[in-house]
């Protein structure tokens, strides 16, 4: 079984929480599946859940270098120089990253509003970029954009390998394989 979930902002990537926070159990009724990878509670978008350990390993093990694509809204107007650094790889405190595919883009028209909304500051614009990584370190996209001077305000994963969000609304699931 393989299930795609559009994980909403503020949801934990686990099925239980002793502090009463929103979890995957609030959105996924299927039993005996687990998340193949993680998204931070303050990130949104595609999360795959499966009961197939080999598939989960293929999707998440860094040796497989599975491409993961994110849309990031960043503080400031991102420039070509920052995109070039992201494309070459960024040196983080835990070592250099692999090169990423990085392009600037306009805010997608299909994007849902976030609840709560991203903070708005009249004097500082925001911009959007698409970033595709082939590794998965803790909070990597956020750390990479901050390292090039553009902190991430909103982060949405839209693709993992061959699997894409494809119009799922926040909180919705789709069975991809039985």
Protein backbone atom coordinates (compact mmCIF):
# COMPACT_ATOMS: atom_id res chain seq x y z
CA UNK A 1 0.00 0.00 0.00
CA UNK A 2 1.19 3.50 -0.83
CA UNK A 3 -0.73 6.59 0.23
CA UNK A 4 -0.03 10.25 -0.62
CA UNK A 5 -1.01 12.83 2.00
CA UNK A 6 -0.89 16.59 1.65
CA UNK A 7 0.36 17.23 5.18
CA UNK A 8 -1.01 20.51 6.51
CA UNK A 9 1.09 23.04 8.38
CA UNK A 10 1.33 22.24 12.09
CA UNK A 11 0.81 18.47 11.82
CA UNK A 12 3.37 16.09 13.35
CA UNK A 13 4.75 13.26 11.19
CA UNK A 14 3.75 10.61 13.71
CA UNK A 15 0.49 8.90 14.65
CA UNK A 16 0.37 9.73 18.36
CA UNK A 17 1.24 12.68 20.55
CA UNK A 18 0.94 12.87 24.31
CA UNK A 19 0.51 16.67 24.15
CA UNK A 20 -2.65 16.65 22.02
CA UNK A 21 -1.12 18.13 18.86
CA UNK A 22 -2.40 17.24 15.39
CA UNK A 23 -0.86 14.03 14.01
CA UNK A 24 -1.11 11.82 10.94
CA UNK A 25 -3.88 9.86 12.69
CA UNK A 26 -6.13 12.91 12.24
CA UNK A 27 -5.89 12.50 8.45
CA UNK A 28 -4.99 8.88 7.66
CA UNK A 29 -7.51 6.18 8.55
CA UNK A 30 -5.53 3.30 7.06
CA UNK A 31 -3.94 1.05 9.70
CA UNK A 32 -0.45 -0.45 9.56
CA UNK A 33 1.13 2.25 7.38
CA UNK A 34 3.97 4.53 8.37
CA UNK A 35 5.57 7.63 6.93
CA UNK A 36 8.32 7.07 4.38
CA UNK A 37 10.36 10.09 5.43
CA UNK A 38 9.37 13.14 7.39
CA UNK A 39 8.26 16.72 7.07
CA UNK A 40 8.77 19.13 9.95
CA UNK A 41 5.61 20.24 11.69
CA UNK A 42 6.04 23.71 10.16
CA UNK A 43 6.39 22.34 6.61
CA UNK A 44 3.56 21.31 4.30
CA UNK A 45 2.97 19.10 1.33
CA UNK A 46 3.59 15.61 0.03
CA UNK A 47 4.15 12.86 2.55
CA UNK A 48 4.13 9.22 1.45
CA UNK A 49 2.89 6.49 3.78
CA UNK A 50 3.37 2.78 3.17
CA UNK A 51 3.24 -0.68 4.67
CA UNK A 52 6.11 -1.80 2.40
CA UNK A 53 9.48 -1.59 4.15
CA UNK A 54 11.50 -2.05 0.94
CA UNK A 55 9.63 0.78 -0.77
CA UNK A 56 10.09 3.03 2.27
CA UNK A 57 13.82 2.25 2.22
CA UNK A 58 14.07 3.07 -1.51
CA UNK A 59 12.27 6.37 -0.97
CA UNK A 60 14.22 7.51 2.08
CA UNK A 61 17.71 5.98 2.12
CA UNK A 62 20.26 8.66 1.11
CA UNK A 63 22.18 6.13 -1.04
CA UNK A 64 19.25 6.07 -3.47
CA UNK A 65 19.45 9.87 -3.92
CA UNK A 66 15.70 10.10 -4.51
CA UNK A 67 14.85 13.58 -5.86
CA UNK A 68 12.60 15.66 -3.62
CA UNK A 69 11.20 18.95 -4.91
CA UNK A 70 10.13 21.79 -2.63
CA UNK A 71 8.59 25.20 -3.16
CA UNK A 72 9.95 27.74 -0.71
CA UNK A 73 8.71 31.23 0.01
CA UNK A 74 11.70 33.19 1.23
CA UNK A 75 12.31 36.51 2.92
CA UNK A 76 13.55 39.00 0.33
CA UNK A 77 13.85 38.91 -3.45
CA UNK A 78 16.09 35.98 -4.29
CA UNK A 79 18.74 36.75 -6.89
CA UNK A 80 20.70 34.74 -9.44
CA UNK A 81 23.85 34.80 -7.29
CA UNK A 82 22.05 33.03 -4.43
CA UNK A 83 20.50 30.53 -6.85
CA UNK A 84 23.97 29.75 -8.26
CA UNK A 85 25.29 29.00 -4.77
CA UNK A 86 22.36 26.64 -4.17
CA UNK A 87 23.06 24.96 -7.54
CA UNK A 88 26.72 24.38 -6.62
CA UNK A 89 25.97 23.21 -3.08
CA UNK A 90 26.05 25.07 0.21
CA UNK A 91 28.45 24.51 3.11
CA UNK A 92 26.37 23.92 6.25
CA UNK A 93 27.58 23.27 9.78
CA UNK A 94 27.32 19.51 9.13
CA UNK A 95 29.25 19.70 5.84
CA UNK A 96 28.66 20.62 2.20
CA UNK A 97 25.37 19.76 0.52
CA UNK A 98 25.07 18.13 -2.86
CA UNK A 99 24.27 20.51 -5.72
CA UNK A 100 20.56 21.32 -5.96
CA UNK A 101 18.31 22.30 -8.84
CA UNK A 102 17.20 25.83 -7.96
CA UNK A 103 15.00 28.23 -9.92
CA UNK A 104 13.05 31.33 -8.97
CA UNK A 105 9.35 31.39 -9.80
CA UNK A 106 6.20 33.37 -9.22
CA UNK A 107 3.82 32.30 -6.47
CA UNK A 108 1.88 29.32 -7.84
CA UNK A 109 -1.74 30.14 -8.65
CA UNK A 110 -2.91 26.75 -7.34
CA UNK A 111 -1.42 27.31 -3.90
CA UNK A 112 -3.79 27.14 -0.92
CA UNK A 113 -3.67 29.77 1.84
CA UNK A 114 -1.68 28.73 4.89
CA UNK A 115 -3.33 28.70 8.30
CA UNK A 116 -1.91 30.65 10.07
CA UNK A 117 -0.76 32.95 7.27
CA UNK A 118 2.92 33.70 6.71
CA UNK A 119 3.88 36.97 8.39
CA UNK A 120 3.66 40.00 6.16
CA UNK A 121 6.13 42.89 6.35
CA UNK A 122 5.42 45.87 4.14
CA UNK A 123 9.09 46.88 3.78
CA UNK A 124 10.47 43.41 2.96
CA UNK A 125 9.21 41.54 -0.10
CA UNK A 126 9.11 37.77 -0.39
CA UNK A 127 9.89 35.54 -3.34
CA UNK A 128 9.42 31.91 -4.35
CA UNK A 129 11.84 29.28 -5.54
CA UNK A 130 11.75 25.64 -6.54
CA UNK A 131 14.49 23.52 -5.00
CA UNK A 132 15.17 19.87 -5.85
CA UNK A 133 17.47 17.94 -3.51
CA UNK A 134 18.87 14.43 -3.67
CA UNK A 135 19.68 14.14 0.02
CA UNK A 136 17.57 14.69 3.09
CA UNK A 137 19.23 16.28 6.07
CA UNK A 138 17.31 17.71 8.99
CA UNK A 139 15.70 21.04 7.98
CA UNK A 140 18.02 21.14 4.96
CA UNK A 141 16.03 23.48 2.68
CA UNK A 142 15.56 25.99 5.48
CA UNK A 143 19.26 25.87 6.37
CA UNK A 144 20.33 26.18 2.72
CA UNK A 145 18.16 29.22 1.96
CA UNK A 146 19.25 30.89 5.20
CA UNK A 147 22.91 30.22 4.33
CA UNK A 148 22.51 32.21 1.10
CA UNK A 149 20.75 35.07 2.91
CA UNK A 150 17.10 34.25 2.22
CA UNK A 151 15.38 32.61 5.22
CA UNK A 152 12.46 30.31 4.40
CA UNK A 153 9.04 31.53 5.48
CA UNK A 154 6.94 28.74 3.96
CA UNK A 155 8.02 25.31 2.72
CA UNK A 156 5.93 22.91 0.63
CA UNK A 157 7.15 19.56 -0.71
CA UNK A 158 5.51 18.93 -4.08
CA UNK A 159 7.33 15.82 -5.36
CA UNK A 160 9.23 12.74 -4.18
CA UNK A 161 10.74 10.85 -7.10
CA UNK A 162 7.92 9.87 -9.43
CA UNK A 163 5.18 10.82 -6.93
CA UNK A 164 3.68 14.32 -6.94
CA UNK A 165 1.16 16.29 -4.92
CA UNK A 166 -1.02 16.59 -8.05
CA UNK A 167 -3.85 18.71 -6.71
CA UNK A 168 -4.33 17.12 -3.29
CA UNK A 169 -5.78 19.67 -0.90
CA UNK A 170 -4.28 20.02 2.60
CA UNK A 171 -5.33 17.04 4.72
CA UNK A 172 -6.45 14.96 1.74
CA UNK A 173 -5.08 11.52 0.94
CA UNK A 174 -4.90 9.48 -2.25
CA UNK A 175 -4.14 5.76 -2.52
CA UNK A 176 -1.36 5.40 -5.11
CA UNK A 177 -0.96 1.61 -4.92
CA UNK A 178 -2.76 -1.19 -3.05
